[in-house]
Amino acid sequence: MKKIFISASDGYQLSALYATPVGSSCGTAIISSATGIKKEFYIHFAKYLVQHGYIVLLYDYRGVGESSPKGMVKPDAFMHEWGILDMNAILNYMVFEKGHREIIWVGHCIGAQLTGFLRNTQYVKKVIAVNAASGYWGYLPFPRRAIAWIFSYMVSPLLLKLYGYGSLGKEDMDKNIPKNVYQEWQNWCKSKNYYQQFLTDHFNTDKFYNFRIPVTSVYTSDDYMANFKTAQSILNFYPNAPSRIIKLQVERYTEYKVGHAGIFRKKFHRDLWTELMSLIDS
């Protein structure tokens, strides 16, 4: 995959990987990461799409991975800028620089939640939202609900006070999340309305009423964050978009734990990836 840098409208340089299939292509896909997960985590799935004829681009949000170069102070980015600035920069690059149309947006968690901020949606064919669930702690099952409450109200403020940045501390993630991104995300997760207050305060609306691109929300049955209620709570922000929810019963496909991000791991290329591919191809 070719490494490139894409300029956002404010001049910020976003690191991205771009690949094309041998011969003609059957479509174009953008893979948009979950919170704090670096683009390299999705490389095997991206290559799988390329092998099946797709042009693919994946990227890091500002403050994450190679969009926050070593030795560089973490930018004072906010999570909403991932949608308003970064996602639009990526889409515009693919449309106006590369000439692609009918783009399939494969968004993992926040990578699908913020697609309402996309402006040139006429060039997007559909959104595949993978484990795109509301982060509100109250919607989680017990005991995860209690753990999430402690994390949001006690651990997170302490981390920010001690280190000046948020930390997810998980494999394949950029462990040091910019302070404002982390803080804004945690504030959203404390509300059952998630980012609705942000939309009201900054855009004088409570939903993305102008977003009319079809959205397929697919979640894995062993992801403690994703269930029908939390997936639907995100789709509620897109009242005029044709939508559906699909639950993948992972035990039908594998004996391994899949969880929130595992569906993109290479070991699932013979089973779960075929399910994702069928949604992308359809």
C-alpha atoms as a PDB file:
ATOM      1  CA  MET A   1       0.000   0.000   0.000  1.00  0.00           C
ATOM      2  CA  LYS A   2       1.239   3.459  -0.864  1.00  0.00           C
ATOM      3  CA  LYS A   3       1.775   5.861   2.025  1.00  0.00           C
ATOM      4  CA  ILE A   4       0.468   9.362   1.370  1.00  0.00           C
ATOM      5  CA  PHE A   5      -0.379  12.514   3.304  1.00  0.00           C
ATOM      6  CA  ILE A   6      -3.644  14.365   2.845  1.00  0.00           C
ATOM      7  CA  SER A   7      -4.184  17.982   3.865  1.00  0.00           C
ATOM      8  CA  ALA A   8      -7.289  18.878   5.828  1.00  0.00           C
ATOM      9  CA  SER A   9      -8.916  22.266   5.272  1.00  0.00           C
ATOM     10  CA  ASP A  10      -7.014  23.715   8.238  1.00  0.00           C
ATOM     11  CA  GLY A  11      -3.711  22.479   6.812  1.00  0.00           C
ATOM     12  CA  TYR A  12      -3.280  19.530   9.153  1.00  0.00           C
ATOM     13  CA  GLN A  13      -1.489  16.607   7.491  1.00  0.00           C
ATOM     14  CA  LEU A  14      -3.234  13.251   7.767  1.00  0.00           C
ATOM     15  CA  SER A  15      -1.331  10.033   7.184  1.00  0.00           C
ATOM     16  CA  ALA A  16      -3.059   7.564   4.875  1.00  0.00           C
ATOM     17  CA  LEU A  17      -2.508   4.348   2.925  1.00  0.00           C
ATOM     18  CA  TYR A  18      -3.865   3.940  -0.596  1.00  0.00           C
ATOM     19  CA  ALA A  19      -4.036   0.817  -2.744  1.00  0.00           C
ATOM     20  CA  THR A  20      -5.507  -0.229  -6.080  1.00  0.00           C
ATOM     21  CA  PRO A  21      -6.165  -3.720  -7.425  1.00  0.00           C
ATOM     22  CA  VAL A  22      -4.365  -5.282 -10.362  1.00  0.00           C
ATOM     23  CA  GLY A  23      -6.485  -4.604 -13.421  1.00  0.00           C
ATOM     24  CA  SER A  24      -9.899  -2.978 -13.277  1.00  0.00           C
ATOM     25  CA  SER A  25     -11.663  -2.206 -10.022  1.00  0.00           C
ATOM     26  CA  CYS A  26     -15.180  -3.087  -8.929  1.00  0.00           C
ATOM     27  CA  GLY A  27     -15.540  -0.274  -6.432  1.00  0.00           C
ATOM     28  CA  THR A  28     -13.942   2.092  -3.940  1.00  0.00           C
ATOM     29  CA  ALA A  29     -13.876   1.858  -0.160  1.00  0.00           C
ATOM     30  CA  ILE A  30     -12.694   4.125   2.635  1.00  0.00           C
ATOM     31  CA  ILE A  31     -11.947   2.434   5.945  1.00  0.00           C
ATOM     32  CA  SER A  32     -12.472   4.804   8.868  1.00  0.00           C
ATOM     33  CA  SER A  33     -11.018   3.687  12.200  1.00  0.00           C
ATOM     34  CA  ALA A  34     -12.486   3.342  15.661  1.00  0.00           C
ATOM     35  CA  THR A  35     -11.340   5.621  18.485  1.00  0.00           C
ATOM     36  CA  GLY A  36      -7.580   5.536  18.871  1.00  0.00           C
ATOM     37  CA  ILE A  37      -7.003   2.551  16.592  1.00  0.00           C
ATOM     38  CA  LYS A  38      -4.202   3.102  14.113  1.00  0.00           C
ATOM     39  CA  LYS A  39      -4.830   2.516  10.434  1.00  0.00           C
ATOM     40  CA  GLU A  40      -2.295  -0.340  10.306  1.00  0.00           C
ATOM     41  CA  PHE A  41      -4.700  -2.473  12.329  1.00  0.00           C
ATOM     42  CA  TYR A  42      -6.937  -2.615   9.235  1.00  0.00           C
ATOM     43  CA  ILE A  43      -4.230  -3.365   6.670  1.00  0.00           C
ATOM     44  CA  HIS A  44      -5.020  -7.076   6.286  1.00  0.00           C
ATOM     45  CA  PHE A  45      -8.703  -6.359   5.742  1.00  0.00           C
ATOM     46  CA  ALA A  46      -7.817  -3.554   3.314  1.00  0.00           C
ATOM     47  CA  LYS A  47      -5.605  -5.922   1.318  1.00  0.00           C
ATOM     48  CA  TYR A  48      -8.444  -8.447   1.313  1.00  0.00           C
ATOM     49  CA  LEU A  49     -10.684  -5.824  -0.294  1.00  0.00           C
ATOM     50  CA  VAL A  50      -7.995  -4.971  -2.834  1.00  0.00           C
ATOM     51  CA  GLN A  51      -7.655  -8.656  -3.726  1.00  0.00           C
ATOM     52  CA  HIS A  52     -11.380  -8.658  -4.382  1.00  0.00           C
ATOM     53  CA  GLY A  53     -11.099  -5.724  -6.757  1.00  0.00           C
ATOM     54  CA  TYR A  54     -11.572  -2.671  -4.557  1.00  0.00           C
ATOM     55  CA  ILE A  55      -9.615   0.569  -4.456  1.00  0.00           C
ATOM     56  CA  VAL A  56      -9.030   1.229  -0.757  1.00  0.00           C
ATOM     57  CA  LEU A  57      -7.892   4.083   1.431  1.00  0.00           C
ATOM     58  CA  LEU A  58      -7.351   3.980   5.191  1.00  0.00           C
ATOM     59  CA  TYR A  59      -6.066   6.788   7.383  1.00  0.00           C
ATOM     60  CA  ASP A  60      -5.221   8.065  10.859  1.00  0.00           C
ATOM     61  CA  TYR A  61      -7.213  10.832  12.513  1.00  0.00           C
ATOM     62  CA  ARG A  62      -5.294  13.854  13.771  1.00  0.00           C
ATOM     63  CA  GLY A  63      -3.472  12.990  16.975  1.00  0.00           C
ATOM     64  CA  VAL A  64      -3.448   9.255  16.223  1.00  0.00           C
ATOM     65  CA  GLY A  65      -0.682   7.061  14.785  1.00  0.00           C
ATOM     66  CA  GLU A  66       1.278   8.654  11.967  1.00  0.00           C
ATOM     67  CA  SER A  67      -1.052  11.635  11.945  1.00  0.00           C
ATOM     68  CA  SER A  68       0.728  12.489  15.191  1.00  0.00           C
ATOM     69  CA  PRO A  69       4.385  12.038  14.235  1.00  0.00           C
ATOM     70  CA  LYS A  70       6.961  10.999  16.818  1.00  0.00           C
ATOM     71  CA  GLY A  71       8.468  13.930  18.614  1.00  0.00           C
ATOM     72  CA  MET A  72       5.434  16.054  17.887  1.00  0.00           C
ATOM     73  CA  VAL A  73       3.368  17.401  20.751  1.00  0.00           C
ATOM     74  CA  LYS A  74      -0.129  15.945  20.660  1.00  0.00           C
ATOM     75  CA  PRO A  75      -2.369  18.445  18.863  1.00  0.00           C
ATOM     76  CA  ASP A  76      -5.169  20.159  20.726  1.00  0.00           C
ATOM     77  CA  ALA A  77      -7.651  18.278  18.583  1.00  0.00           C
ATOM     78  CA  PHE A  78     -11.261  17.535  19.427  1.00  0.00           C
ATOM     79  CA  MET A  79     -13.165  14.394  18.511  1.00  0.00           C
ATOM     80  CA  HIS A  80     -15.700  16.328  16.465  1.00  0.00           C
ATOM     81  CA  GLU A  81     -12.811  17.495  14.252  1.00  0.00           C
ATOM     82  CA  TRP A  82     -12.276  13.883  13.212  1.00  0.00           C
ATOM     83  CA  GLY A  83     -15.636  14.156  11.498  1.00  0.00           C
ATOM     84  CA  ILE A  84     -15.820  17.801  10.462  1.00  0.00           C
ATOM     85  CA  LEU A  85     -12.225  18.150   9.241  1.00  0.00           C
ATOM     86  CA  ASP A  86     -10.563  14.759   8.817  1.00  0.00           C
ATOM     87  CA  MET A  87     -13.348  12.682   7.272  1.00  0.00           C
ATOM     88  CA  ASN A  88     -14.190  15.446   4.826  1.00  0.00           C
ATOM     89  CA  ALA A  89     -10.530  15.807   3.849  1.00  0.00           C
ATOM     90  CA  ILE A  90     -10.313  12.081   3.130  1.00  0.00           C
ATOM     91  CA  LEU A  91     -13.543  11.979   1.128  1.00  0.00           C
ATOM     92  CA  ASN A  92     -12.618  15.096  -0.848  1.00  0.00           C
ATOM     93  CA  TYR A  93      -9.218  13.633  -1.683  1.00  0.00           C
ATOM     94  CA  MET A  94     -10.771  10.471  -3.050  1.00  0.00           C
ATOM     95  CA  VAL A  95     -13.367  12.408  -5.034  1.00  0.00           C
ATOM     96  CA  PHE A  96     -11.534  15.472  -6.309  1.00  0.00           C
ATOM     97  CA  GLU A  97      -7.941  14.253  -6.410  1.00  0.00           C
ATOM     98  CA  LYS A  98      -8.514  10.636  -7.439  1.00  0.00           C
ATOM     99  CA  GLY A  99     -11.811  10.993  -9.270  1.00  0.00           C
ATOM    100  CA  HIS A 100     -13.654   8.225  -7.429  1.00  0.00           C
ATOM    101  CA  ARG A 101     -17.414   8.052  -7.131  1.00  0.00           C
ATOM    102  CA  GLU A 102     -19.907   5.652  -5.519  1.00  0.00           C
ATOM    103  CA  ILE A 103     -17.608   5.325  -2.502  1.00  0.00           C
ATOM    104  CA  ILE A 104     -18.390   2.748   0.166  1.00  0.00           C
ATOM    105  CA  TRP A 105     -17.647   4.082   3.644  1.00  0.00           C
ATOM    106  CA  VAL A 106     -16.622   1.273   6.015  1.00  0.00           C
ATOM    107  CA  GLY A 107     -16.693   2.865   9.437  1.00  0.00           C
ATOM    108  CA  HIS A 108     -15.634   1.115  12.619  1.00  0.00           C
ATOM    109  CA  CYS A 109     -17.368   2.585  15.681  1.00  0.00           C
ATOM    110  CA  ILE A 110     -16.615   6.355  15.707  1.00  0.00           C
ATOM    111  CA  GLY A 111     -15.596   5.956  12.065  1.00  0.00           C
ATOM    112  CA  ALA A 112     -19.281   5.501  11.261  1.00  0.00           C
ATOM    113  CA  GLN A 113     -20.817   7.547  14.074  1.00  0.00           C
ATOM    114  CA  LEU A 114     -19.425  10.821  12.698  1.00  0.00           C
ATOM    115  CA  THR A 115     -20.330  10.337   9.017  1.00  0.00           C
ATOM    116  CA  GLY A 116     -23.150  12.830   9.456  1.00  0.00           C
ATOM    117  CA  PHE A 117     -20.491  15.533   9.224  1.00  0.00           C
ATOM    118  CA  LEU A 118     -19.625  14.523   5.651  1.00  0.00           C
ATOM    119  CA  ARG A 119     -20.596  17.248   3.212  1.00  0.00           C
ATOM    120  CA  ASN A 120     -20.224  15.722  -0.252  1.00  0.00           C
ATOM    121  CA  THR A 121     -22.406  12.719   0.458  1.00  0.00           C
ATOM    122  CA  GLN A 122     -23.562  12.577  -3.163  1.00  0.00           C
ATOM    123  CA  TYR A 123     -20.319  10.699  -3.814  1.00  0.00           C
ATOM    124  CA  VAL A 124     -20.962   8.105  -1.093  1.00  0.00           C
ATOM    125  CA  LYS A 125     -22.874   5.011  -2.140  1.00  0.00           C
ATOM    126  CA  LYS A 126     -23.483   3.579   1.331  1.00  0.00           C
ATOM    127  CA  VAL A 127     -22.125   3.286   4.846  1.00  0.00           C
ATOM    128  CA  ILE A 128     -21.218  -0.011   6.491  1.00  0.00           C
ATOM    129  CA  ALA A 129     -21.178   0.773  10.209  1.00  0.00           C
ATOM    130  CA  VAL A 130     -19.278  -1.903  12.150  1.00  0.00           C
ATOM    131  CA  ASN A 131     -19.938  -2.044  15.899  1.00  0.00           C
ATOM    132  CA  ALA A 132     -21.018   1.590  15.731  1.00  0.00           C
ATOM    133  CA  ALA A 133     -22.729   1.816  19.081  1.00  0.00           C
ATOM    134  CA  SER A 134     -23.457   4.614  21.495  1.00  0.00           C
ATOM    135  CA  GLY A 135     -20.783   4.865  24.164  1.00  0.00           C
ATOM    136  CA  TYR A 136     -23.250   5.862  26.888  1.00  0.00           C
ATOM    137  CA  TRP A 137     -22.220   3.888  29.966  1.00  0.00           C
ATOM    138  CA  GLY A 138     -25.833   3.354  31.083  1.00  0.00           C
ATOM    139  CA  TYR A 139     -26.607   1.203  28.036  1.00  0.00           C
ATOM    140  CA  LEU A 140     -23.912  -1.353  28.860  1.00  0.00           C
ATOM    141  CA  PRO A 141     -24.707  -4.658  30.555  1.00  0.00           C
ATOM    142  CA  PHE A 142     -23.697  -5.216  34.161  1.00  0.00           C
ATOM    143  CA  PRO A 143     -20.887  -5.407  35.344  1.00  0.00           C
ATOM    144  CA  ARG A 144     -19.482  -3.483  32.370  1.00  0.00           C
ATOM    145  CA  ARG A 145     -21.854  -0.665  33.210  1.00  0.00           C
ATOM    146  CA  ALA A 146     -20.298  -0.221  36.650  1.00  0.00           C
ATOM    147  CA  ILE A 147     -16.771  -0.424  35.228  1.00  0.00           C
ATOM    148  CA  ALA A 148     -17.580   2.166  32.577  1.00  0.00           C
ATOM    149  CA  TRP A 149     -19.061   4.504  35.206  1.00  0.00           C
ATOM    150  CA  ILE A 150     -15.927   4.265  37.347  1.00  0.00           C
ATOM    151  CA  PHE A 151     -13.752   4.815  34.280  1.00  0.00           C
ATOM    152  CA  SER A 152     -15.714   7.840  33.061  1.00  0.00           C
ATOM    153  CA  TYR A 153     -16.193   9.614  36.367  1.00  0.00           C
ATOM    154  CA  MET A 154     -13.082   8.630  38.317  1.00  0.00           C
ATOM    155  CA  VAL A 155     -10.270   7.112  36.245  1.00  0.00           C
ATOM    156  CA  SER A 156     -10.474   9.364  33.166  1.00  0.00           C
ATOM    157  CA  PRO A 157     -10.328  12.679  35.060  1.00  0.00           C
ATOM    158  CA  LEU A 158      -7.361  11.361  37.020  1.00  0.00           C
ATOM    159  CA  LEU A 159      -5.498  10.317  33.861  1.00  0.00           C
ATOM    160  CA  LEU A 160      -6.073  13.702  32.296  1.00  0.00           C
ATOM    161  CA  LYS A 161      -4.896  15.482  35.420  1.00  0.00           C
ATOM    162  CA  LEU A 162      -1.770  13.342  35.827  1.00  0.00           C
ATOM    163  CA  TYR A 163      -0.641  12.961  32.215  1.00  0.00           C
ATOM    164  CA  GLY A 164      -2.477  15.575  30.194  1.00  0.00           C
ATOM    165  CA  TYR A 165      -3.835  13.002  27.743  1.00  0.00           C
ATOM    166  CA  GLY A 166      -6.223  10.078  27.690  1.00  0.00           C
ATOM    167  CA  SER A 167      -5.129   6.478  27.620  1.00  0.00           C
ATOM    168  CA  LEU A 168      -6.925   3.425  26.269  1.00  0.00           C
ATOM    169  CA  GLY A 169      -3.954   1.145  26.866  1.00  0.00           C
ATOM    170  CA  LYS A 170      -5.010  -1.569  24.435  1.00  0.00           C
ATOM    171  CA  GLU A 171      -3.193  -3.453  21.724  1.00  0.00           C
ATOM    172  CA  ASP A 172      -3.204  -1.847  18.272  1.00  0.00           C
ATOM    173  CA  MET A 173      -4.230   1.490  19.734  1.00  0.00           C
ATOM    174  CA  ASP A 174      -2.394   4.759  20.044  1.00  0.00           C
ATOM    175  CA  LYS A 175      -2.299   4.657  23.815  1.00  0.00           C
ATOM    176  CA  ASN A 176      -1.964   8.426  24.225  1.00  0.00           C
ATOM    177  CA  ILE A 177      -5.149  10.058  22.971  1.00  0.00           C
ATOM    178  CA  PRO A 178      -5.116  13.882  22.687  1.00  0.00           C
ATOM    179  CA  LYS A 179      -6.594  15.461  25.794  1.00  0.00           C
ATOM    180  CA  ASN A 180      -9.460  17.303  24.115  1.00  0.00           C
ATOM    181  CA  VAL A 181     -10.431  14.275  22.014  1.00  0.00           C
ATOM    182  CA  TYR A 182     -10.508  12.077  25.071  1.00  0.00           C
ATOM    183  CA  GLN A 183     -12.359  14.593  27.221  1.00  0.00           C
ATOM    184  CA  GLU A 184     -14.990  15.324  24.581  1.00  0.00           C
ATOM    185  CA  TRP A 185     -15.559  11.619  23.975  1.00  0.00           C
ATOM    186  CA  GLN A 186     -15.937  10.940  27.695  1.00  0.00           C
ATOM    187  CA  ASN A 187     -18.458  13.776  27.977  1.00  0.00           C
ATOM    188  CA  TRP A 188     -20.504  12.254  25.174  1.00  0.00           C
ATOM    189  CA  CYS A 189     -20.374   8.854  26.867  1.00  0.00           C
ATOM    190  CA  LYS A 190     -21.862  10.326  30.036  1.00  0.00           C
ATOM    191  CA  SER A 191     -25.078  11.248  28.241  1.00  0.00           C
ATOM    192  CA  LYS A 192     -27.763   8.891  26.984  1.00  0.00           C
ATOM    193  CA  ASN A 193     -28.152  11.372  24.106  1.00  0.00           C
ATOM    194  CA  TYR A 194     -24.457  10.937  23.281  1.00  0.00           C
ATOM    195  CA  TYR A 195     -23.305  13.855  21.048  1.00  0.00           C
ATOM    196  CA  GLN A 196     -26.756  15.397  20.624  1.00  0.00           C
ATOM    197  CA  GLN A 197     -25.885  18.367  22.842  1.00  0.00           C
ATOM    198  CA  PHE A 198     -22.866  19.120  20.673  1.00  0.00           C
ATOM    199  CA  LEU A 199     -25.078  19.197  17.562  1.00  0.00           C
ATOM    200  CA  THR A 200     -27.517  21.504  19.333  1.00  0.00           C
ATOM    201  CA  ASP A 201     -24.835  23.869  20.593  1.00  0.00           C
ATOM    202  CA  HIS A 202     -22.824  24.115  17.389  1.00  0.00           C
ATOM    203  CA  PHE A 203     -25.257  23.370  14.547  1.00  0.00           C
ATOM    204  CA  ASN A 204     -28.643  24.254  16.043  1.00  0.00           C
ATOM    205  CA  THR A 205     -29.978  20.775  15.322  1.00  0.00           C
ATOM    206  CA  ASP A 206     -30.322  17.514  17.168  1.00  0.00           C
ATOM    207  CA  LYS A 207     -29.835  15.084  14.268  1.00  0.00           C
ATOM    208  CA  PHE A 208     -28.284  14.754  10.806  1.00  0.00           C
ATOM    209  CA  TYR A 209     -31.529  15.328   8.924  1.00  0.00           C
ATOM    210  CA  ASN A 210     -29.848  15.925   5.552  1.00  0.00           C
ATOM    211  CA  PHE A 211     -27.945  12.644   5.575  1.00  0.00           C
ATOM    212  CA  ARG A 212     -29.808  10.266   3.249  1.00  0.00           C
ATOM    213  CA  ILE A 213     -27.157   7.661   2.419  1.00  0.00           C
ATOM    214  CA  PRO A 214     -28.121   4.029   3.182  1.00  0.00           C
ATOM    215  CA  VAL A 215     -26.554   2.762   6.399  1.00  0.00           C
ATOM    216  CA  THR A 216     -26.105  -0.890   7.334  1.00  0.00           C
ATOM    217  CA  SER A 217     -25.219  -1.235  10.993  1.00  0.00           C
ATOM    218  CA  VAL A 218     -23.623  -4.594  11.751  1.00  0.00           C
ATOM    219  CA  TYR A 219     -22.511  -5.643  15.210  1.00  0.00           C
ATOM    220  CA  THR A 220     -20.890  -8.737  16.664  1.00  0.00           C
ATOM    221  CA  SER A 221     -22.802 -10.602  19.331  1.00  0.00           C
ATOM    222  CA  ASP A 222     -19.895 -10.723  21.797  1.00  0.00           C
ATOM    223  CA  ASP A 223     -19.107  -7.008  21.705  1.00  0.00           C
ATOM    224  CA  TYR A 224     -20.184  -5.766  25.134  1.00  0.00           C
ATOM    225  CA  MET A 225     -20.530  -2.232  23.765  1.00  0.00           C
ATOM    226  CA  ALA A 226     -22.730  -3.101  20.804  1.00  0.00           C
ATOM    227  CA  ASN A 227     -26.285  -4.383  20.937  1.00  0.00           C
ATOM    228  CA  PHE A 228     -29.516  -3.521  19.189  1.00  0.00           C
ATOM    229  CA  LYS A 229     -30.251  -0.625  21.542  1.00  0.00           C
ATOM    230  CA  THR A 230     -26.832   1.020  21.269  1.00  0.00           C
ATOM    231  CA  ALA A 231     -26.688   0.503  17.500  1.00  0.00           C
ATOM    232  CA  GLN A 232     -30.167   1.949  17.056  1.00  0.00           C
ATOM    233  CA  SER A 233     -29.286   4.927  19.239  1.00  0.00           C
ATOM    234  CA  ILE A 234     -26.679   5.931  16.638  1.00  0.00           C
ATOM    235  CA  LEU A 235     -29.021   5.334  13.707  1.00  0.00           C
ATOM    236  CA  ASN A 236     -31.531   7.624  15.413  1.00  0.00           C
ATOM    237  CA  PHE A 237     -29.201  10.501  14.535  1.00  0.00           C
ATOM    238  CA  TYR A 238     -29.878   9.695  10.857  1.00  0.00           C
ATOM    239  CA  PRO A 239     -33.696   9.732  10.655  1.00  0.00           C
ATOM    240  CA  ASN A 240     -33.840  10.184   6.858  1.00  0.00           C
ATOM    241  CA  ALA A 241     -31.211   7.596   5.947  1.00  0.00           C
ATOM    242  CA  PRO A 242     -32.459   4.145   4.909  1.00  0.00           C
ATOM    243  CA  SER A 243     -31.024   1.849   7.564  1.00  0.00           C
ATOM    244  CA  ARG A 244     -30.954  -1.669   8.907  1.00  0.00           C
ATOM    245  CA  ILE A 245     -29.270  -3.493  11.785  1.00  0.00           C
ATOM    246  CA  ILE A 246     -27.607  -6.892  11.437  1.00  0.00           C
ATOM    247  CA  LYS A 247     -26.420  -8.954  14.386  1.00  0.00           C
ATOM    248  CA  LEU A 248     -23.569 -11.371  13.655  1.00  0.00           C
ATOM    249  CA  GLN A 249     -23.810 -14.384  15.947  1.00  0.00           C
ATOM    250  CA  VAL A 250     -20.082 -14.992  16.155  1.00  0.00           C
ATOM    251  CA  GLU A 251     -20.417 -18.479  17.655  1.00  0.00           C
ATOM    252  CA  ARG A 252     -21.840 -19.621  14.329  1.00  0.00           C
ATOM    253  CA  TYR A 253     -18.570 -18.706  12.640  1.00  0.00           C
ATOM    254  CA  THR A 254     -15.785 -19.171  15.167  1.00  0.00           C
ATOM    255  CA  GLU A 255     -14.839 -20.456  18.595  1.00  0.00           C
ATOM    256  CA  TYR A 256     -12.661 -17.389  19.164  1.00  0.00           C
ATOM    257  CA  LYS A 257     -13.637 -14.163  20.860  1.00  0.00           C
ATOM    258  CA  VAL A 258     -14.286 -11.364  18.387  1.00  0.00           C
ATOM    259  CA  GLY A 259     -15.310  -8.451  20.588  1.00  0.00           C
ATOM    260  CA  HIS A 260     -15.313  -4.835  19.524  1.00  0.00           C
ATOM    261  CA  ALA A 261     -12.442  -4.807  17.038  1.00  0.00           C
ATOM    262  CA  GLY A 262     -11.588  -8.444  16.387  1.00  0.00           C
ATOM    263  CA  ILE A 263     -13.697  -8.753  13.259  1.00  0.00           C
ATOM    264  CA  PHE A 264     -10.903  -7.000  11.347  1.00  0.00           C
ATOM    265  CA  ARG A 265      -8.245  -9.500  12.421  1.00  0.00           C
ATOM    266  CA  LYS A 266      -6.767 -11.712   9.717  1.00  0.00           C
ATOM    267  CA  LYS A 267      -7.752 -14.957  11.421  1.00  0.00           C
ATOM    268  CA  PHE A 268     -11.379 -14.257  10.521  1.00  0.00           C
ATOM    269  CA  HIS A 269     -10.753 -13.920   6.776  1.00  0.00           C
ATOM    270  CA  ARG A 270     -12.492 -17.221   5.987  1.00  0.00           C
ATOM    271  CA  ASP A 271     -15.690 -16.525   7.889  1.00  0.00           C
ATOM    272  CA  LEU A 272     -16.532 -13.081   9.270  1.00  0.00           C
ATOM    273  CA  TRP A 273     -14.798 -11.265   6.451  1.00  0.00           C
ATOM    274  CA  THR A 274     -17.011 -13.002   3.923  1.00  0.00           C
ATOM    275  CA  GLU A 275     -20.010 -11.603   5.784  1.00  0.00           C
ATOM    276  CA  LEU A 276     -18.594  -8.098   5.641  1.00  0.00           C
ATOM    277  CA  MET A 277     -17.727  -8.554   1.986  1.00  0.00           C
ATOM    278  CA  SER A 278     -21.278  -9.551   1.169  1.00  0.00           C
ATOM    279  CA  LEU A 279     -22.511  -6.303   2.732  1.00  0.00           C
ATOM    280  CA  ILE A 280     -19.928  -4.278   0.829  1.00  0.00           C
ATOM    281  CA  ASP A 281     -20.699  -6.012  -2.466  1.00  0.00           C
ATOM    282  CA  SER A 282     -24.480  -5.815  -2.163  1.00  0.00           C
END
